[in-house]
Amino acid sequence: MNTKLYVGNLSFDTTENDLQDLFSKQGPVTEVNLIQDHATGRPRGFAFVTMATPEGAQSAIQSLNGAEFGGRALTVNESRPRENRPGSYGGGSGGGSGRSRRSY
């Protein structure tokens, strides 16, 4: 069973290949997803790495959480499901004071 890991506090110079190489030392890696800013195309400083086995995931967490990589101490833990944030998509009234815009 695959286990998805959150990897935070990455240097902005880190590539998906760098992460693939780093995590494959702990076990088989099935996917690396370096999150990028849509507007600038630059990395946002975190990624998700999917390990092929639970043993590989635990080894990666134990070995790499707090370890220095690219001049920064990594944060590595099991990814949690994305939570719905209120107001992030649709809904809402768009603001305003509640008063009529016309003056009579």
N, C-alpha and C. Protein backbone atom coordinates (compact mmCIF):
# COMPACT_ATOMS: atom_id res chain seq x y z
N MET A 1 0.84 -1.18 0.00
CA MET A 1 0.00 0.00 0.00
C MET A 1 0.88 1.25 0.00
N ASN A 2 0.54 2.21 -0.84
CA ASN A 2 1.29 3.45 -0.92
C ASN A 2 1.00 4.35 0.27
N THR A 3 2.03 5.07 0.70
CA THR A 3 1.88 6.03 1.79
C THR A 3 2.40 7.38 1.31
N LYS A 4 1.54 8.39 1.39
CA LYS A 4 1.93 9.73 0.94
C LYS A 4 2.50 10.51 2.10
N LEU A 5 3.67 11.12 1.87
CA LEU A 5 4.35 11.91 2.88
C LEU A 5 4.35 13.38 2.50
N TYR A 6 4.20 14.23 3.50
CA TYR A 6 4.37 15.67 3.33
C TYR A 6 5.83 15.99 3.63
N VAL A 7 6.45 16.78 2.76
CA VAL A 7 7.84 17.20 2.96
C VAL A 7 7.85 18.73 2.92
N GLY A 8 8.18 19.35 4.04
CA GLY A 8 8.16 20.80 4.14
C GLY A 8 9.51 21.40 4.43
N ASN A 9 9.56 22.73 4.34
CA ASN A 9 10.75 23.53 4.59
C ASN A 9 11.84 23.24 3.56
N LEU A 10 11.42 23.04 2.32
CA LEU A 10 12.38 22.78 1.24
C LEU A 10 13.00 24.07 0.73
N SER A 11 14.23 23.97 0.32
CA SER A 11 14.89 25.07 -0.37
C SER A 11 14.17 25.28 -1.71
N PHE A 12 14.11 26.51 -2.16
CA PHE A 12 13.46 26.80 -3.44
C PHE A 12 14.25 26.27 -4.62
N ASP A 13 15.48 25.81 -4.38
CA ASP A 13 16.32 25.23 -5.43
C ASP A 13 16.12 23.72 -5.57
N THR A 14 15.34 23.11 -4.68
CA THR A 14 15.12 21.67 -4.69
C THR A 14 14.30 21.26 -5.91
N THR A 15 14.69 20.15 -6.53
CA THR A 15 13.95 19.62 -7.68
C THR A 15 13.29 18.30 -7.31
N GLU A 16 12.37 17.85 -8.16
CA GLU A 16 11.74 16.55 -7.95
C GLU A 16 12.77 15.43 -8.00
N ASN A 17 13.78 15.56 -8.86
CA ASN A 17 14.84 14.54 -8.94
C ASN A 17 15.64 14.48 -7.64
N ASP A 18 15.90 15.64 -7.03
CA ASP A 18 16.60 15.67 -5.74
C ASP A 18 15.82 14.88 -4.69
N LEU A 19 14.51 15.09 -4.65
CA LEU A 19 13.68 14.40 -3.68
C LEU A 19 13.59 12.90 -3.98
N GLN A 20 13.49 12.57 -5.26
CA GLN A 20 13.47 11.16 -5.67
C GLN A 20 14.73 10.45 -5.17
N ASP A 21 15.87 11.08 -5.40
CA ASP A 21 17.15 10.48 -4.97
C ASP A 21 17.22 10.36 -3.45
N LEU A 22 16.80 11.40 -2.73
CA LEU A 22 16.88 11.40 -1.28
C LEU A 22 15.98 10.33 -0.66
N PHE A 23 14.73 10.27 -1.10
CA PHE A 23 13.77 9.35 -0.49
C PHE A 23 13.95 7.91 -0.95
N SER A 24 14.50 7.69 -2.14
CA SER A 24 14.68 6.32 -2.62
C SER A 24 15.71 5.56 -1.79
N LYS A 25 16.53 6.26 -1.02
CA LYS A 25 17.47 5.61 -0.11
C LYS A 25 16.74 4.93 1.05
N GLN A 26 15.50 5.36 1.31
CA GLN A 26 14.71 4.82 2.42
C GLN A 26 13.77 3.70 1.97
N GLY A 27 13.48 3.64 0.66
CA GLY A 27 12.57 2.63 0.13
C GLY A 27 12.08 3.07 -1.24
N PRO A 28 11.31 2.21 -1.91
CA PRO A 28 10.83 2.54 -3.25
C PRO A 28 9.86 3.73 -3.24
N VAL A 29 10.10 4.66 -4.17
CA VAL A 29 9.28 5.86 -4.31
C VAL A 29 8.41 5.68 -5.56
N THR A 30 7.10 5.91 -5.42
CA THR A 30 6.21 5.78 -6.57
C THR A 30 5.88 7.12 -7.22
N GLU A 31 5.96 8.22 -6.44
CA GLU A 31 5.63 9.53 -7.01
C GLU A 31 6.24 10.64 -6.18
N VAL A 32 6.68 11.70 -6.86
CA VAL A 32 7.16 12.92 -6.21
C VAL A 32 6.40 14.08 -6.84
N ASN A 33 5.80 14.91 -6.01
CA ASN A 33 5.04 16.05 -6.50
C ASN A 33 5.51 17.30 -5.77
N LEU A 34 6.37 18.07 -6.43
CA LEU A 34 6.87 19.34 -5.88
C LEU A 34 5.85 20.42 -6.21
N ILE A 35 5.30 21.04 -5.18
CA ILE A 35 4.22 22.01 -5.38
C ILE A 35 4.80 23.34 -5.86
N GLN A 36 4.19 23.85 -6.93
CA GLN A 36 4.65 25.10 -7.54
C GLN A 36 3.58 26.17 -7.46
N ASP A 37 4.00 27.41 -7.37
CA ASP A 37 3.09 28.55 -7.39
C ASP A 37 2.57 28.70 -8.81
N HIS A 38 1.25 28.76 -8.97
CA HIS A 38 0.67 28.84 -10.30
C HIS A 38 1.01 30.15 -11.01
N ALA A 39 1.12 31.23 -10.28
CA ALA A 39 1.37 32.53 -10.88
C ALA A 39 2.82 32.70 -11.34
N THR A 40 3.77 32.23 -10.51
CA THR A 40 5.18 32.46 -10.83
C THR A 40 5.89 31.23 -11.38
N GLY A 41 5.33 30.03 -11.14
CA GLY A 41 5.99 28.81 -11.58
C GLY A 41 7.13 28.39 -10.68
N ARG A 42 7.36 29.12 -9.60
CA ARG A 42 8.44 28.79 -8.66
C ARG A 42 7.93 27.81 -7.62
N PRO A 43 8.83 26.98 -7.08
CA PRO A 43 8.43 26.06 -6.01
C PRO A 43 7.94 26.83 -4.79
N ARG A 44 7.00 26.22 -4.06
CA ARG A 44 6.42 26.85 -2.88
C ARG A 44 7.08 26.40 -1.58
N GLY A 45 8.06 25.49 -1.67
CA GLY A 45 8.79 25.10 -0.47
C GLY A 45 8.28 23.83 0.19
N PHE A 46 7.35 23.12 -0.48
CA PHE A 46 6.92 21.84 0.06
C PHE A 46 6.56 20.90 -1.08
N ALA A 47 6.49 19.61 -0.73
CA ALA A 47 6.22 18.58 -1.73
C ALA A 47 5.49 17.41 -1.07
N PHE A 48 5.01 16.51 -1.91
CA PHE A 48 4.44 15.25 -1.46
C PHE A 48 5.22 14.14 -2.13
N VAL A 49 5.66 13.18 -1.33
CA VAL A 49 6.40 12.03 -1.83
C VAL A 49 5.60 10.79 -1.45
N THR A 50 5.30 9.96 -2.43
CA THR A 50 4.56 8.73 -2.17
C THR A 50 5.53 7.56 -2.15
N MET A 51 5.55 6.88 -1.01
CA MET A 51 6.40 5.72 -0.83
C MET A 51 5.58 4.46 -1.12
N ALA A 52 6.22 3.44 -1.73
CA ALA A 52 5.53 2.23 -2.14
C ALA A 52 5.15 1.33 -0.97
N THR A 53 5.89 1.43 0.13
CA THR A 53 5.62 0.55 1.27
C THR A 53 5.51 1.36 2.56
N PRO A 54 4.72 0.87 3.51
CA PRO A 54 4.64 1.54 4.81
C PRO A 54 5.99 1.55 5.53
N GLU A 55 6.79 0.49 5.33
CA GLU A 55 8.10 0.43 5.96
C GLU A 55 9.03 1.53 5.42
N GLY A 56 8.98 1.74 4.11
CA GLY A 56 9.77 2.80 3.50
C GLY A 56 9.35 4.17 3.99
N ALA A 57 8.03 4.35 4.15
CA ALA A 57 7.51 5.63 4.64
C ALA A 57 7.98 5.89 6.06
N GLN A 58 7.89 4.87 6.93
CA GLN A 58 8.33 5.04 8.32
C GLN A 58 9.83 5.30 8.40
N SER A 59 10.59 4.61 7.56
CA SER A 59 12.03 4.82 7.52
C SER A 59 12.36 6.26 7.09
N ALA A 60 11.63 6.76 6.10
CA ALA A 60 11.85 8.13 5.62
C ALA A 60 11.51 9.15 6.71
N ILE A 61 10.40 8.93 7.41
CA ILE A 61 10.00 9.86 8.48
C ILE A 61 11.06 9.87 9.57
N GLN A 62 11.48 8.69 10.00
CA GLN A 62 12.45 8.60 11.09
C GLN A 62 13.82 9.15 10.69
N SER A 63 14.23 8.89 9.46
CA SER A 63 15.57 9.31 9.03
C SER A 63 15.65 10.76 8.57
N LEU A 64 14.57 11.26 7.95
CA LEU A 64 14.66 12.55 7.27
C LEU A 64 13.97 13.70 8.00
N ASN A 65 13.04 13.42 8.90
CA ASN A 65 12.39 14.50 9.63
C ASN A 65 13.43 15.20 10.52
N GLY A 66 13.65 16.47 10.28
CA GLY A 66 14.65 17.24 11.03
C GLY A 66 16.04 17.21 10.40
N ALA A 67 16.23 16.34 9.40
CA ALA A 67 17.54 16.26 8.75
C ALA A 67 17.76 17.47 7.85
N GLU A 68 19.01 17.90 7.73
CA GLU A 68 19.33 19.05 6.88
C GLU A 68 19.45 18.61 5.43
N PHE A 69 18.79 19.37 4.56
CA PHE A 69 18.84 19.12 3.13
C PHE A 69 18.73 20.46 2.42
N GLY A 70 19.71 20.79 1.62
CA GLY A 70 19.71 22.08 0.94
C GLY A 70 19.82 23.25 1.89
N GLY A 71 20.48 23.03 3.03
CA GLY A 71 20.67 24.10 4.00
C GLY A 71 19.48 24.34 4.91
N ARG A 72 18.50 23.45 4.89
CA ARG A 72 17.31 23.61 5.72
C ARG A 72 16.96 22.31 6.43
N ALA A 73 16.37 22.41 7.60
CA ALA A 73 15.91 21.23 8.33
C ALA A 73 14.54 20.81 7.79
N LEU A 74 14.47 19.62 7.23
CA LEU A 74 13.24 19.14 6.62
C LEU A 74 12.17 18.81 7.65
N THR A 75 10.92 18.96 7.25
CA THR A 75 9.78 18.45 7.99
C THR A 75 9.21 17.32 7.15
N VAL A 76 9.19 16.12 7.71
CA VAL A 76 8.67 14.96 6.98
C VAL A 76 7.68 14.25 7.89
N ASN A 77 6.44 14.12 7.43
CA ASN A 77 5.44 13.36 8.17
C ASN A 77 4.39 12.82 7.22
N GLU A 78 3.55 11.95 7.74
CA GLU A 78 2.51 11.37 6.89
C GLU A 78 1.51 12.45 6.52
N SER A 79 1.16 12.48 5.25
CA SER A 79 0.24 13.49 4.75
C SER A 79 -1.16 13.24 5.30
N ARG A 80 -1.85 14.31 5.64
CA ARG A 80 -3.24 14.22 6.08
C ARG A 80 -4.13 14.58 4.90
N PRO A 81 -5.35 14.08 4.90
CA PRO A 81 -6.28 14.45 3.82
C PRO A 81 -6.50 15.96 3.80
N ARG A 82 -6.68 16.48 2.61
CA ARG A 82 -6.91 17.92 2.46
C ARG A 82 -8.24 18.28 3.11
N GLU A 83 -8.23 19.32 3.91
CA GLU A 83 -9.46 19.74 4.58
C GLU A 83 -10.13 20.84 3.77
N ASN A 84 -11.46 20.84 3.82
CA ASN A 84 -12.22 21.88 3.14
C ASN A 84 -12.13 23.16 3.95
N ARG A 85 -11.71 24.22 3.28
CA ARG A 85 -11.62 25.50 3.96
C ARG A 85 -12.82 26.35 3.57
N PRO A 86 -13.55 26.88 4.53
CA PRO A 86 -14.72 27.68 4.20
C PRO A 86 -14.33 28.93 3.41
N GLY A 87 -15.11 29.20 2.38
CA GLY A 87 -14.90 30.42 1.61
C GLY A 87 -13.81 30.33 0.57
N SER A 88 -13.19 29.16 0.39
CA SER A 88 -12.09 29.11 -0.57
C SER A 88 -12.59 28.91 -1.99
N TYR A 89 -13.75 28.27 -2.15
CA TYR A 89 -14.29 28.06 -3.49
C TYR A 89 -15.76 28.42 -3.50
N GLY A 90 -16.10 29.45 -4.27
CA GLY A 90 -17.49 29.82 -4.42
C GLY A 90 -18.12 30.27 -3.11
N GLY A 91 -19.43 30.40 -3.15
CA GLY A 91 -20.15 30.79 -1.95
C GLY A 91 -19.83 32.21 -1.54
N GLY A 92 -20.45 32.63 -0.50
CA GLY A 92 -20.18 33.98 -0.02
C GLY A 92 -20.88 35.02 -0.86
N SER A 93 -21.01 36.20 -0.32
CA SER A 93 -21.75 37.25 -1.02
C SER A 93 -20.86 38.25 -1.72
N GLY A 94 -19.58 38.17 -1.53
CA GLY A 94 -18.70 39.12 -2.19
C GLY A 94 -18.51 40.41 -1.42
N GLY A 95 -18.98 40.47 -0.21
CA GLY A 95 -18.75 41.64 0.62
C GLY A 95 -19.76 42.73 0.41
N GLY A 96 -19.42 43.93 0.80
CA GLY A 96 -20.34 45.05 0.70
C GLY A 96 -20.84 45.44 2.07
N SER A 97 -21.45 46.59 2.15
CA SER A 97 -21.88 47.09 3.44
C SER A 97 -23.31 46.72 3.76
N GLY A 98 -24.01 46.17 2.77
CA GLY A 98 -25.41 45.84 3.01
C GLY A 98 -26.34 47.00 2.68
N ARG A 99 -25.80 48.15 2.35
CA ARG A 99 -26.61 49.31 1.99
C ARG A 99 -26.80 49.35 0.49
N SER A 100 -27.81 50.02 0.08
CA SER A 100 -28.06 50.21 -1.35
C SER A 100 -26.97 51.10 -1.93
N ARG A 101 -26.60 50.84 -3.14
CA ARG A 101 -25.55 51.65 -3.78
C ARG A 101 -26.10 52.95 -4.35
N ARG A 102 -27.40 53.00 -4.48
CA ARG A 102 -27.99 54.22 -5.04
C ARG A 102 -28.28 55.22 -3.92
N SER A 103 -28.15 56.46 -4.26
CA SER A 103 -28.57 57.48 -3.31
C SER A 103 -29.71 58.26 -3.94
N TYR A 104 -30.76 58.46 -3.20
CA TYR A 104 -31.95 59.15 -3.72
C TYR A 104 -32.08 60.49 -3.13
